[in-house]
Amino acid sequence: MMNNKIVGNKGEQAAAAYLENHGYTVLERNFRAKTGEIDLIVSRGQLIVFVEVKTRGTLAYGVPAEAVNYLKQRKIIRTAQCYIQYKKLYDHACRFDVLEVLAPKSGNMSFRLIENAFEV
């Protein structure tokens, strides 16, 4: 059995490729601030998108996005604010997405992008 960290890393790599294939530019991976971490920060035009990637091998414990609870959302928002200040991106619109990656043992990954998954 693969551990969660390995599955998560594989999911994040696949998620970055998925987003690039759908017209996004990856700006940061695993951006860390004292407030937390954001898996992927991507852009499309002037829009900055903060993406929480949730990878699961099965749906036995529910859909991946369910793991992005209120507390997790607050951490992501605070970390996004740090990123915006750090990069001085005050004039950019931003959005918070969750990208679900289902990575069954059969190897065929599937993706579900939930745009505007939560708001500030």
PDB file of N, CA and C in Angstrom:
ATOM      1  N   MET A   1       0.833  -1.199   0.000  1.00  0.00           N
ATOM      2  CA  MET A   1       0.000   0.000   0.000  1.00  0.00           C
ATOM      3  C   MET A   1       0.875   1.259   0.000  1.00  0.00           C
ATOM      4  N   MET A   2       0.559   2.182  -0.891  1.00  0.00           N
ATOM      5  CA  MET A   2       1.321   3.431  -0.948  1.00  0.00           C
ATOM      6  C   MET A   2       0.879   4.339   0.187  1.00  0.00           C
ATOM      7  N   ASN A   3       1.853   5.050   0.757  1.00  0.00           N
ATOM      8  CA  ASN A   3       1.433   5.939   1.831  1.00  0.00           C
ATOM      9  C   ASN A   3       0.799   7.216   1.268  1.00  0.00           C
ATOM     10  N   ASN A   4       0.082   7.933   2.120  1.00  0.00           N
ATOM     11  CA  ASN A   4      -0.687   9.100   1.682  1.00  0.00           C
ATOM     12  C   ASN A   4       0.168  10.190   1.073  1.00  0.00           C
ATOM     13  N   LYS A   5       1.394  10.347   1.585  1.00  0.00           N
ATOM     14  CA  LYS A   5       2.289  11.392   1.080  1.00  0.00           C
ATOM     15  C   LYS A   5       2.644  11.112  -0.382  1.00  0.00           C
ATOM     16  N   ILE A   6       2.968   9.864  -0.687  1.00  0.00           N
ATOM     17  CA  ILE A   6       3.319   9.491  -2.058  1.00  0.00           C
ATOM     18  C   ILE A   6       2.109   9.685  -2.986  1.00  0.00           C
ATOM     19  N   VAL A   7       0.951   9.212  -2.541  1.00  0.00           N
ATOM     20  CA  VAL A   7      -0.280   9.370  -3.324  1.00  0.00           C
ATOM     21  C   VAL A   7      -0.566  10.858  -3.545  1.00  0.00           C
ATOM     22  N   GLY A   8      -0.426  11.651  -2.488  1.00  0.00           N
ATOM     23  CA  GLY A   8      -0.661  13.093  -2.581  1.00  0.00           C
ATOM     24  C   GLY A   8       0.287  13.775  -3.548  1.00  0.00           C
ATOM     25  N   ASN A   9       1.566  13.415  -3.485  1.00  0.00           N
ATOM     26  CA  ASN A   9       2.556  14.004  -4.396  1.00  0.00           C
ATOM     27  C   ASN A   9       2.260  13.652  -5.846  1.00  0.00           C
ATOM     28  N   LYS A  10       1.916  12.385  -6.080  1.00  0.00           N
ATOM     29  CA  LYS A  10       1.549  11.963  -7.436  1.00  0.00           C
ATOM     30  C   LYS A  10       0.326  12.729  -7.916  1.00  0.00           C
ATOM     31  N   GLY A  11      -0.637  12.888  -7.025  1.00  0.00           N
ATOM     32  CA  GLY A  11      -1.849  13.629  -7.360  1.00  0.00           C
ATOM     33  C   GLY A  11      -1.567  15.080  -7.692  1.00  0.00           C
ATOM     34  N   GLU A  12      -0.678  15.709  -6.920  1.00  0.00           N
ATOM     35  CA  GLU A  12      -0.343  17.114  -7.170  1.00  0.00           C
ATOM     36  C   GLU A  12       0.383  17.285  -8.495  1.00  0.00           C
ATOM     37  N   GLN A  13       1.286  16.366  -8.809  1.00  0.00           N
ATOM     38  CA  GLN A  13       1.982  16.439 -10.098  1.00  0.00           C
ATOM     39  C   GLN A  13       0.992  16.301 -11.246  1.00  0.00           C
ATOM     40  N   ALA A  14       0.091  15.326 -11.134  1.00  0.00           N
ATOM     41  CA  ALA A  14      -0.922  15.107 -12.166  1.00  0.00           C
ATOM     42  C   ALA A  14      -1.864  16.304 -12.257  1.00  0.00           C
ATOM     43  N   ALA A  15      -2.199  16.895 -11.100  1.00  0.00           N
ATOM     44  CA  ALA A  15      -3.092  18.056 -11.064  1.00  0.00           C
ATOM     45  C   ALA A  15      -2.466  19.243 -11.789  1.00  0.00           C
ATOM     46  N   ALA A  16      -1.168  19.470 -11.573  1.00  0.00           N
ATOM     47  CA  ALA A  16      -0.468  20.574 -12.242  1.00  0.00           C
ATOM     48  C   ALA A  16      -0.518  20.375 -13.762  1.00  0.00           C
ATOM     49  N   ALA A  17      -0.260  19.156 -14.202  1.00  0.00           N
ATOM     50  CA  ALA A  17      -0.299  18.855 -15.640  1.00  0.00           C
ATOM     51  C   ALA A  17      -1.713  19.038 -16.191  1.00  0.00           C
ATOM     52  N   TYR A  18      -2.699  18.579 -15.424  1.00  0.00           N
ATOM     53  CA  TYR A  18      -4.105  18.714 -15.824  1.00  0.00           C
ATOM     54  C   TYR A  18      -4.462  20.193 -16.024  1.00  0.00           C
ATOM     55  N   LEU A  19      -4.079  21.031 -15.058  1.00  0.00           N
ATOM     56  CA  LEU A  19      -4.398  22.460 -15.143  1.00  0.00           C
ATOM     57  C   LEU A  19      -3.676  23.120 -16.321  1.00  0.00           C
ATOM     58  N   GLU A  20      -2.409  22.753 -16.531  1.00  0.00           N
ATOM     59  CA  GLU A  20      -1.661  23.306 -17.666  1.00  0.00           C
ATOM     60  C   GLU A  20      -2.341  22.926 -18.983  1.00  0.00           C
ATOM     61  N   ASN A  21      -2.828  21.683 -19.051  1.00  0.00           N
ATOM     62  CA  ASN A  21      -3.524  21.219 -20.265  1.00  0.00           C
ATOM     63  C   ASN A  21      -4.860  21.925 -20.470  1.00  0.00           C
ATOM     64  N   HIS A  22      -5.355  22.583 -19.425  1.00  0.00           N
ATOM     65  CA  HIS A  22      -6.622  23.309 -19.509  1.00  0.00           C
ATOM     66  C   HIS A  22      -6.417  24.830 -19.492  1.00  0.00           C
ATOM     67  N   GLY A  23      -5.242  25.268 -19.894  1.00  0.00           N
ATOM     68  CA  GLY A  23      -5.011  26.692 -20.109  1.00  0.00           C
ATOM     69  C   GLY A  23      -4.507  27.505 -18.937  1.00  0.00           C
ATOM     70  N   TYR A  24      -4.146  26.845 -17.846  1.00  0.00           N
ATOM     71  CA  TYR A  24      -3.602  27.563 -16.682  1.00  0.00           C
ATOM     72  C   TYR A  24      -2.078  27.541 -16.715  1.00  0.00           C
ATOM     73  N   THR A  25      -1.482  28.539 -16.086  1.00  0.00           N
ATOM     74  CA  THR A  25      -0.029  28.587 -15.905  1.00  0.00           C
ATOM     75  C   THR A  25       0.254  28.359 -14.430  1.00  0.00           C
ATOM     76  N   VAL A  26       1.111  27.388 -14.130  1.00  0.00           N
ATOM     77  CA  VAL A  26       1.461  27.120 -12.734  1.00  0.00           C
ATOM     78  C   VAL A  26       2.475  28.171 -12.275  1.00  0.00           C
ATOM     79  N   LEU A  27       2.117  28.900 -11.217  1.00  0.00           N
ATOM     80  CA  LEU A  27       2.992  29.927 -10.647  1.00  0.00           C
ATOM     81  C   LEU A  27       3.802  29.379  -9.479  1.00  0.00           C
ATOM     82  N   GLU A  28       3.156  28.579  -8.644  1.00  0.00           N
ATOM     83  CA  GLU A  28       3.810  28.039  -7.441  1.00  0.00           C
ATOM     84  C   GLU A  28       3.260  26.658  -7.140  1.00  0.00           C
ATOM     85  N   ARG A  29       4.126  25.821  -6.598  1.00  0.00           N
ATOM     86  CA  ARG A  29       3.702  24.537  -6.039  1.00  0.00           C
ATOM     87  C   ARG A  29       4.077  24.540  -4.574  1.00  0.00           C
ATOM     88  N   ASN A  30       3.172  24.106  -3.734  1.00  0.00           N
ATOM     89  CA  ASN A  30       3.425  24.004  -2.294  1.00  0.00           C
ATOM     90  C   ASN A  30       3.949  25.313  -1.705  1.00  0.00           C
ATOM     91  N   PHE A  31       3.225  26.383  -1.963  1.00  0.00           N
ATOM     92  CA  PHE A  31       3.583  27.680  -1.384  1.00  0.00           C
ATOM     93  C   PHE A  31       3.315  27.633   0.110  1.00  0.00           C
ATOM     94  N   ARG A  32       4.346  27.965   0.886  1.00  0.00           N
ATOM     95  CA  ARG A  32       4.215  27.918   2.342  1.00  0.00           C
ATOM     96  C   ARG A  32       4.386  29.302   2.950  1.00  0.00           C
ATOM     97  N   ALA A  33       3.556  29.567   3.937  1.00  0.00           N
ATOM     98  CA  ALA A  33       3.689  30.758   4.769  1.00  0.00           C
ATOM     99  C   ALA A  33       3.430  30.287   6.192  1.00  0.00           C
ATOM    100  N   LYS A  34       3.611  31.188   7.150  1.00  0.00           N
ATOM    101  CA  LYS A  34       3.403  30.750   8.540  1.00  0.00           C
ATOM    102  C   LYS A  34       1.947  30.342   8.791  1.00  0.00           C
ATOM    103  N   THR A  35       1.048  30.787   7.922  1.00  0.00           N
ATOM    104  CA  THR A  35      -0.375  30.489   8.065  1.00  0.00           C
ATOM    105  C   THR A  35      -0.774  29.124   7.498  1.00  0.00           C
ATOM    106  N   GLY A  36       0.083  28.538   6.662  1.00  0.00           N
ATOM    107  CA  GLY A  36      -0.257  27.246   6.069  1.00  0.00           C
ATOM    108  C   GLY A  36       0.392  27.043   4.716  1.00  0.00           C
ATOM    109  N   GLU A  37      -0.200  26.159   3.937  1.00  0.00           N
ATOM    110  CA  GLU A  37       0.359  25.808   2.631  1.00  0.00           C
ATOM    111  C   GLU A  37      -0.755  25.752   1.592  1.00  0.00           C
ATOM    112  N   ILE A  38      -0.409  26.164   0.380  1.00  0.00           N
ATOM    113  CA  ILE A  38      -1.330  26.045  -0.755  1.00  0.00           C
ATOM    114  C   ILE A  38      -0.665  25.126  -1.764  1.00  0.00           C
ATOM    115  N   ASP A  39      -1.410  24.103  -2.191  1.00  0.00           N
ATOM    116  CA  ASP A  39      -0.837  23.089  -3.081  1.00  0.00           C
ATOM    117  C   ASP A  39      -0.376  23.688  -4.404  1.00  0.00           C
ATOM    118  N   LEU A  40      -1.271  24.371  -5.083  1.00  0.00           N
ATOM    119  CA  LEU A  40      -0.939  24.963  -6.381  1.00  0.00           C
ATOM    120  C   LEU A  40      -1.509  26.371  -6.468  1.00  0.00           C
ATOM    121  N   ILE A  41      -0.696  27.265  -7.025  1.00  0.00           N
ATOM    122  CA  ILE A  41      -1.186  28.603  -7.354  1.00  0.00           C
ATOM    123  C   ILE A  41      -0.991  28.726  -8.856  1.00  0.00           C
ATOM    124  N   VAL A  42      -2.097  28.971  -9.541  1.00  0.00           N
ATOM    125  CA  VAL A  42      -2.061  29.031 -11.000  1.00  0.00           C
ATOM    126  C   VAL A  42      -2.696  30.339 -11.462  1.00  0.00           C
ATOM    127  N   SER A  43      -2.462  30.656 -12.730  1.00  0.00           N
ATOM    128  CA  SER A  43      -3.096  31.851 -13.287  1.00  0.00           C
ATOM    129  C   SER A  43      -3.665  31.531 -14.656  1.00  0.00           C
ATOM    130  N   ARG A  44      -4.645  32.317 -15.006  1.00  0.00           N
ATOM    131  CA  ARG A  44      -5.198  32.295 -16.362  1.00  0.00           C
ATOM    132  C   ARG A  44      -5.533  33.745 -16.650  1.00  0.00           C
ATOM    133  N   GLY A  45      -4.748  34.345 -17.514  1.00  0.00           N
ATOM    134  CA  GLY A  45      -4.885  35.782 -17.750  1.00  0.00           C
ATOM    135  C   GLY A  45      -4.556  36.521 -16.472  1.00  0.00           C
ATOM    136  N   GLN A  46      -5.436  37.434 -16.064  1.00  0.00           N
ATOM    137  CA  GLN A  46      -5.217  38.215 -14.836  1.00  0.00           C
ATOM    138  C   GLN A  46      -5.739  37.519 -13.584  1.00  0.00           C
ATOM    139  N   LEU A  47      -6.384  36.368 -13.757  1.00  0.00           N
ATOM    140  CA  LEU A  47      -6.987  35.659 -12.630  1.00  0.00           C
ATOM    141  C   LEU A  47      -5.953  34.770 -11.931  1.00  0.00           C
ATOM    142  N   ILE A  48      -5.871  34.910 -10.617  1.00  0.00           N
ATOM    143  CA  ILE A  48      -5.012  34.052  -9.807  1.00  0.00           C
ATOM    144  C   ILE A  48      -5.917  33.022  -9.134  1.00  0.00           C
ATOM    145  N   VAL A  49      -5.559  31.752  -9.253  1.00  0.00           N
ATOM    146  CA  VAL A  49      -6.381  30.687  -8.675  1.00  0.00           C
ATOM    147  C   VAL A  49      -5.555  29.908  -7.658  1.00  0.00           C
ATOM    148  N   PHE A  50      -6.077  29.828  -6.444  1.00  0.00           N
ATOM    149  CA  PHE A  50      -5.445  29.061  -5.368  1.00  0.00           C
ATOM    150  C   PHE A  50      -6.137  27.702  -5.357  1.00  0.00           C
ATOM    151  N   VAL A  51      -5.364  26.654  -5.581  1.00  0.00           N
ATOM    152  CA  VAL A  51      -5.948  25.327  -5.773  1.00  0.00           C
ATOM    153  C   VAL A  51      -5.524  24.374  -4.658  1.00  0.00           C
ATOM    154  N   GLU A  52      -6.511  23.812  -3.997  1.00  0.00           N
ATOM    155  CA  GLU A  52      -6.272  22.749  -3.022  1.00  0.00           C
ATOM    156  C   GLU A  52      -6.496  21.436  -3.768  1.00  0.00           C
ATOM    157  N   VAL A  53      -5.457  20.614  -3.812  1.00  0.00           N
ATOM    158  CA  VAL A  53      -5.541  19.330  -4.505  1.00  0.00           C
ATOM    159  C   VAL A  53      -5.837  18.250  -3.466  1.00  0.00           C
ATOM    160  N   LYS A  54      -6.859  17.468  -3.713  1.00  0.00           N
ATOM    161  CA  LYS A  54      -7.204  16.356  -2.824  1.00  0.00           C
ATOM    162  C   LYS A  54      -7.201  15.078  -3.634  1.00  0.00           C
ATOM    163  N   THR A  55      -6.306  14.181  -3.281  1.00  0.00           N
ATOM    164  CA  THR A  55      -6.157  12.921  -4.009  1.00  0.00           C
ATOM    165  C   THR A  55      -6.632  11.767  -3.142  1.00  0.00           C
ATOM    166  N   ARG A  56      -7.366  10.874  -3.746  1.00  0.00           N
ATOM    167  CA  ARG A  56      -7.823   9.667  -3.060  1.00  0.00           C
ATOM    168  C   ARG A  56      -7.649   8.478  -3.991  1.00  0.00           C
ATOM    169  N   GLY A  57      -7.420   7.342  -3.394  1.00  0.00           N
ATOM    170  CA  GLY A  57      -7.333   6.101  -4.156  1.00  0.00           C
ATOM    171  C   GLY A  57      -8.705   5.503  -4.400  1.00  0.00           C
ATOM    172  N   THR A  58      -9.624   5.785  -3.493  1.00  0.00           N
ATOM    173  CA  THR A  58     -10.988   5.252  -3.602  1.00  0.00           C
ATOM    174  C   THR A  58     -11.951   6.269  -2.988  1.00  0.00           C
ATOM    175  N   LEU A  59     -13.222   6.057  -3.225  1.00  0.00           N
ATOM    176  CA  LEU A  59     -14.229   6.947  -2.637  1.00  0.00           C
ATOM    177  C   LEU A  59     -14.802   6.372  -1.346  1.00  0.00           C
ATOM    178  N   ALA A  60     -14.106   5.394  -0.778  1.00  0.00           N
ATOM    179  CA  ALA A  60     -14.581   4.722   0.428  1.00  0.00           C
ATOM    180  C   ALA A  60     -14.843   5.697   1.576  1.00  0.00           C
ATOM    181  N   TYR A  61     -14.080   6.771   1.629  1.00  0.00           N
ATOM    182  CA  TYR A  61     -14.252   7.741   2.720  1.00  0.00           C
ATOM    183  C   TYR A  61     -14.905   9.026   2.238  1.00  0.00           C
ATOM    184  N   GLY A  62     -15.629   8.949   1.129  1.00  0.00           N
ATOM    185  CA  GLY A  62     -16.312  10.125   0.599  1.00  0.00           C
ATOM    186  C   GLY A  62     -15.511  10.792  -0.498  1.00  0.00           C
ATOM    187  N   VAL A  63     -16.109  11.800  -1.111  1.00  0.00           N
ATOM    188  CA  VAL A  63     -15.402  12.497  -2.187  1.00  0.00           C
ATOM    189  C   VAL A  63     -14.282  13.351  -1.594  1.00  0.00           C
ATOM    190  N   PRO A  64     -13.194  13.490  -2.332  1.00  0.00           N
ATOM    191  CA  PRO A  64     -12.024  14.205  -1.792  1.00  0.00           C
ATOM    192  C   PRO A  64     -12.315  15.618  -1.296  1.00  0.00           C
ATOM    193  N   ALA A  65     -13.163  16.357  -1.988  1.00  0.00           N
ATOM    194  CA  ALA A  65     -13.418  17.758  -1.612  1.00  0.00           C
ATOM    195  C   ALA A  65     -14.005  17.890  -0.216  1.00  0.00           C
ATOM    196  N   GLU A  66     -14.651  16.837   0.275  1.00  0.00           N
ATOM    197  CA  GLU A  66     -15.238  16.884   1.614  1.00  0.00           C
ATOM    198  C   GLU A  66     -14.177  17.117   2.690  1.00  0.00           C
ATOM    199  N   ALA A  67     -12.927  16.819   2.380  1.00  0.00           N
ATOM    200  CA  ALA A  67     -11.839  17.011   3.340  1.00  0.00           C
ATOM    201  C   ALA A  67     -11.448  18.483   3.486  1.00  0.00           C
ATOM    202  N   VAL A  68     -11.933  19.320   2.584  1.00  0.00           N
ATOM    203  CA  VAL A  68     -11.601  20.749   2.645  1.00  0.00           C
ATOM    204  C   VAL A  68     -12.682  21.443   3.480  1.00  0.00           C
ATOM    205  N   ASN A  69     -12.557  21.278   4.789  1.00  0.00           N
ATOM    206  CA  ASN A  69     -13.556  21.820   5.708  1.00  0.00           C
ATOM    207  C   ASN A  69     -13.328  23.315   5.968  1.00  0.00           C
ATOM    208  N   TYR A  70     -14.182  23.872   6.790  1.00  0.00           N
ATOM    209  CA  TYR A  70     -14.136  25.310   7.074  1.00  0.00           C
ATOM    210  C   TYR A  70     -12.761  25.751   7.586  1.00  0.00           C
ATOM    211  N   LEU A  71     -12.195  24.985   8.517  1.00  0.00           N
ATOM    212  CA  LEU A  71     -10.891  25.329   9.084  1.00  0.00           C
ATOM    213  C   LEU A  71      -9.808  25.346   8.008  1.00  0.00           C
ATOM    214  N   LYS A  72      -9.827  24.331   7.145  1.00  0.00           N
ATOM    215  CA  LYS A  72      -8.861  24.240   6.048  1.00  0.00           C
ATOM    216  C   LYS A  72      -9.043  25.428   5.099  1.00  0.00           C
ATOM    217  N   GLN A  73     -10.277  25.781   4.813  1.00  0.00           N
ATOM    218  CA  GLN A  73     -10.553  26.923   3.944  1.00  0.00           C
ATOM    219  C   GLN A  73      -9.975  28.205   4.518  1.00  0.00           C
ATOM    220  N   ARG A  74     -10.171  28.422   5.832  1.00  0.00           N
ATOM    221  CA  ARG A  74      -9.637  29.628   6.480  1.00  0.00           C
ATOM    222  C   ARG A  74      -8.112  29.684   6.343  1.00  0.00           C
ATOM    223  N   LYS A  75      -7.450  28.547   6.534  1.00  0.00           N
ATOM    224  CA  LYS A  75      -5.981  28.492   6.415  1.00  0.00           C
ATOM    225  C   LYS A  75      -5.539  28.846   5.000  1.00  0.00           C
ATOM    226  N   ILE A  76      -6.251  28.289   4.020  1.00  0.00           N
ATOM    227  CA  ILE A  76      -5.909  28.560   2.615  1.00  0.00           C
ATOM    228  C   ILE A  76      -6.100  30.048   2.303  1.00  0.00           C
ATOM    229  N   ILE A  77      -7.198  30.609   2.777  1.00  0.00           N
ATOM    230  CA  ILE A  77      -7.470  32.036   2.537  1.00  0.00           C
ATOM    231  C   ILE A  77      -6.379  32.905   3.168  1.00  0.00           C
ATOM    232  N   ARG A  78      -6.016  32.613   4.414  1.00  0.00           N
ATOM    233  CA  ARG A  78      -4.954  33.404   5.072  1.00  0.00           C
ATOM    234  C   ARG A  78      -3.625  33.266   4.334  1.00  0.00           C
ATOM    235  N   THR A  79      -3.327  32.079   3.879  1.00  0.00           N
ATOM    236  CA  THR A  79      -2.080  31.853   3.150  1.00  0.00           C
ATOM    237  C   THR A  79      -2.117  32.559   1.794  1.00  0.00           C
ATOM    238  N   ALA A  80      -3.270  32.559   1.154  1.00  0.00           N
ATOM    239  CA  ALA A  80      -3.431  33.272  -0.119  1.00  0.00           C
ATOM    240  C   ALA A  80      -3.203  34.774   0.078  1.00  0.00           C
ATOM    241  N   GLN A  81      -3.705  35.311   1.196  1.00  0.00           N
ATOM    242  CA  GLN A  81      -3.496  36.730   1.485  1.00  0.00           C
ATOM    243  C   GLN A  81      -2.002  37.037   1.644  1.00  0.00           C
ATOM    244  N   CYS A  82      -1.269  36.121   2.285  1.00  0.00           N
ATOM    245  CA  CYS A  82       0.189  36.280   2.415  1.00  0.00           C
ATOM    246  C   CYS A  82       0.851  36.302   1.043  1.00  0.00           C
ATOM    247  N   TYR A  83       0.413  35.399   0.171  1.00  0.00           N
ATOM    248  CA  TYR A  83       0.979  35.312  -1.184  1.00  0.00           C
ATOM    249  C   TYR A  83       0.712  36.599  -1.956  1.00  0.00           C
ATOM    250  N   ILE A  84      -0.518  37.095  -1.879  1.00  0.00           N
ATOM    251  CA  ILE A  84      -0.889  38.322  -2.595  1.00  0.00           C
ATOM    252  C   ILE A  84      -0.033  39.502  -2.111  1.00  0.00           C
ATOM    253  N   GLN A  85       0.177  39.598  -0.791  1.00  0.00           N
ATOM    254  CA  GLN A  85       1.028  40.673  -0.248  1.00  0.00           C
ATOM    255  C   GLN A  85       2.476  40.487  -0.699  1.00  0.00           C
ATOM    256  N   TYR A  86       2.976  39.256  -0.597  1.00  0.00           N
ATOM    257  CA  TYR A  86       4.358  38.935  -0.937  1.00  0.00           C
ATOM    258  C   TYR A  86       4.656  39.272  -2.395  1.00  0.00           C
ATOM    259  N   LYS A  87       3.718  38.955  -3.291  1.00  0.00           N
ATOM    260  CA  LYS A  87       3.908  39.188  -4.728  1.00  0.00           C
ATOM    261  C   LYS A  87       3.316  40.512  -5.203  1.00  0.00           C
ATOM    262  N   LYS A  88       2.678  41.252  -4.268  1.00  0.00           N
ATOM    263  CA  LYS A  88       2.049  42.542  -4.587  1.00  0.00           C
ATOM    264  C   LYS A  88       1.056  42.412  -5.751  1.00  0.00           C
ATOM    265  N   LEU A  89       0.169  41.457  -5.631  1.00  0.00           N
ATOM    266  CA  LEU A  89      -0.816  41.183  -6.686  1.00  0.00           C
ATOM    267  C   LEU A  89      -2.198  41.751  -6.329  1.00  0.00           C
ATOM    268  N   TYR A  90      -2.203  42.928  -5.734  1.00  0.00           N
ATOM    269  CA  TYR A  90      -3.445  43.507  -5.215  1.00  0.00           C
ATOM    270  C   TYR A  90      -4.496  43.748  -6.298  1.00  0.00           C
ATOM    271  N   ASP A  91      -4.045  43.977  -7.541  1.00  0.00           N
ATOM    272  CA  ASP A  91      -4.983  44.327  -8.614  1.00  0.00           C
ATOM    273  C   ASP A  91      -5.519  43.102  -9.364  1.00  0.00           C
ATOM    274  N   HIS A  92      -5.184  41.918  -8.909  1.00  0.00           N
ATOM    275  CA  HIS A  92      -5.641  40.697  -9.580  1.00  0.00           C
ATOM    276  C   HIS A  92      -6.876  40.111  -8.886  1.00  0.00           C
ATOM    277  N   ALA A  93      -7.793  39.616  -9.699  1.00  0.00           N
ATOM    278  CA  ALA A  93      -8.926  38.870  -9.144  1.00  0.00           C
ATOM    279  C   ALA A  93      -8.401  37.506  -8.724  1.00  0.00           C
ATOM    280  N   CYS A  94      -9.006  36.924  -7.711  1.00  0.00           N
ATOM    281  CA  CYS A  94      -8.567  35.585  -7.323  1.00  0.00           C
ATOM    282  C   CYS A  94      -9.762  34.703  -7.009  1.00  0.00           C
ATOM    283  N   ARG A  95      -9.489  33.406  -7.025  1.00  0.00           N
ATOM    284  CA  ARG A  95     -10.532  32.403  -6.845  1.00  0.00           C
ATOM    285  C   ARG A  95      -9.919  31.232  -6.084  1.00  0.00           C
ATOM    286  N   PHE A  96     -10.772  30.500  -5.384  1.00  0.00           N
ATOM    287  CA  PHE A  96     -10.333  29.320  -4.642  1.00  0.00           C
ATOM    288  C   PHE A  96     -11.012  28.090  -5.238  1.00  0.00           C
ATOM    289  N   ASP A  97     -10.203  27.191  -5.754  1.00  0.00           N
ATOM    290  CA  ASP A  97     -10.716  25.968  -6.363  1.00  0.00           C
ATOM    291  C   ASP A  97     -10.247  24.752  -5.578  1.00  0.00           C
ATOM    292  N   VAL A  98     -11.000  23.680  -5.697  1.00  0.00           N
ATOM    293  CA  VAL A  98     -10.556  22.379  -5.202  1.00  0.00           C
ATOM    294  C   VAL A  98     -10.478  21.472  -6.421  1.00  0.00           C
ATOM    295  N   LEU A  99      -9.362  20.783  -6.562  1.00  0.00           N
ATOM    296  CA  LEU A  99      -9.198  19.829  -7.650  1.00  0.00           C
ATOM    297  C   LEU A  99      -9.129  18.437  -7.049  1.00  0.00           C
ATOM    298  N   GLU A 100     -10.156  17.659  -7.318  1.00  0.00           N
ATOM    299  CA  GLU A 100     -10.196  16.281  -6.840  1.00  0.00           C
ATOM    300  C   GLU A 100      -9.466  15.392  -7.836  1.00  0.00           C
ATOM    301  N   VAL A 101      -8.588  14.554  -7.305  1.00  0.00           N
ATOM    302  CA  VAL A 101      -7.887  13.582  -8.135  1.00  0.00           C
ATOM    303  C   VAL A 101      -8.227  12.208  -7.582  1.00  0.00           C
ATOM    304  N   LEU A 102      -8.814  11.396  -8.416  1.00  0.00           N
ATOM    305  CA  LEU A 102      -9.109  10.023  -8.027  1.00  0.00           C
ATOM    306  C   LEU A 102      -8.060   9.152  -8.700  1.00  0.00           C
ATOM    307  N   ALA A 103      -7.256   8.482  -7.872  1.00  0.00           N
ATOM    308  CA  ALA A 103      -6.132   7.691  -8.385  1.00  0.00           C
ATOM    309  C   ALA A 103      -6.274   6.240  -7.938  1.00  0.00           C
ATOM    310  N   PRO A 104      -7.158   5.493  -8.604  1.00  0.00           N
ATOM    311  CA  PRO A 104      -7.348   4.096  -8.209  1.00  0.00           C
ATOM    312  C   PRO A 104      -6.121   3.254  -8.561  1.00  0.00           C
ATOM    313  N   LYS A 105      -6.020   2.096  -7.951  1.00  0.00           N
ATOM    314  CA  LYS A 105      -4.871   1.217  -8.201  1.00  0.00           C
ATOM    315  C   LYS A 105      -4.763   0.822  -9.674  1.00  0.00           C
ATOM    316  N   SER A 106      -5.882   0.842 -10.399  1.00  0.00           N
ATOM    317  CA  SER A 106      -5.874   0.514 -11.832  1.00  0.00           C
ATOM    318  C   SER A 106      -5.016   1.494 -12.625  1.00  0.00           C
ATOM    319  N   GLY A 107      -4.755   2.650 -12.030  1.00  0.00           N
ATOM    320  CA  GLY A 107      -3.835   3.591 -12.649  1.00  0.00           C
ATOM    321  C   GLY A 107      -4.471   4.705 -13.457  1.00  0.00           C
ATOM    322  N   ASN A 108      -5.734   4.605 -13.819  1.00  0.00           N
ATOM    323  CA  ASN A 108      -6.365   5.661 -14.603  1.00  0.00           C
ATOM    324  C   ASN A 108      -6.890   6.754 -13.686  1.00  0.00           C
ATOM    325  N   MET A 109      -6.184   7.881 -13.660  1.00  0.00           N
ATOM    326  CA  MET A 109      -6.597   8.996 -12.803  1.00  0.00           C
ATOM    327  C   MET A 109      -7.762   9.732 -13.440  1.00  0.00           C
ATOM    328  N   SER A 110      -8.628  10.243 -12.587  1.00  0.00           N
ATOM    329  CA  SER A 110      -9.687  11.128 -13.078  1.00  0.00           C
ATOM    330  C   SER A 110      -9.660  12.396 -12.237  1.00  0.00           C
ATOM    331  N   PHE A 111     -10.149  13.475 -12.833  1.00  0.00           N
ATOM    332  CA  PHE A 111     -10.061  14.789 -12.209  1.00  0.00           C
ATOM    333  C   PHE A 111     -11.429  15.454 -12.182  1.00  0.00           C
ATOM    334  N   ARG A 112     -11.667  16.216 -11.126  1.00  0.00           N
ATOM    335  CA  ARG A 112     -12.876  17.042 -11.066  1.00  0.00           C
ATOM    336  C   ARG A 112     -12.478  18.373 -10.463  1.00  0.00           C
ATOM    337  N   LEU A 113     -12.541  19.418 -11.276  1.00  0.00           N
ATOM    338  CA  LEU A 113     -12.189  20.769 -10.829  1.00  0.00           C
ATOM    339  C   LEU A 113     -13.449  21.464 -10.334  1.00  0.00           C
ATOM    340  N   ILE A 114     -13.419  21.875  -9.083  1.00  0.00           N
ATOM    341  CA  ILE A 114     -14.545  22.606  -8.491  1.00  0.00           C
ATOM    342  C   ILE A 114     -14.116  24.071  -8.396  1.00  0.00           C
ATOM    343  N   GLU A 115     -14.605  24.861  -9.332  1.00  0.00           N
ATOM    344  CA  GLU A 115     -14.261  26.280  -9.346  1.00  0.00           C
ATOM    345  C   GLU A 115     -15.058  27.017  -8.288  1.00  0.00           C
ATOM    346  N   ASN A 116     -14.442  28.055  -7.702  1.00  0.00           N
ATOM    347  CA  ASN A 116     -15.104  28.808  -6.630  1.00  0.00           C
ATOM    348  C   ASN A 116     -15.640  27.873  -5.547  1.00  0.00           C
ATOM    349  N   ALA A 117     -14.799  26.945  -5.129  1.00  0.00           N
ATOM    350  CA  ALA A 117     -15.216  25.936  -4.137  1.00  0.00           C
ATOM    351  C   ALA A 117     -15.602  26.604  -2.827  1.00  0.00           C
ATOM    352  N   PHE A 118     -14.957  27.723  -2.525  1.00  0.00           N
ATOM    353  CA  PHE A 118     -15.303  28.515  -1.334  1.00  0.00           C
ATOM    354  C   PHE A 118     -14.862  29.934  -1.551  1.00  0.00           C
ATOM    355  N   GLU A 119     -15.356  30.838  -0.728  1.00  0.00           N
ATOM    356  CA  GLU A 119     -15.059  32.256  -0.886  1.00  0.00           C
ATOM    357  C   GLU A 119     -14.538  32.849   0.406  1.00  0.00           C
ATOM    358  N   VAL A 120     -13.890  33.998   0.245  1.00  0.00           N
ATOM    359  CA  VAL A 120     -13.309  34.691   1.398  1.00  0.00           C
ATOM    360  C   VAL A 120     -14.423  35.182   2.305  1.00  0.00           C
TER     361      VAL A 120
END
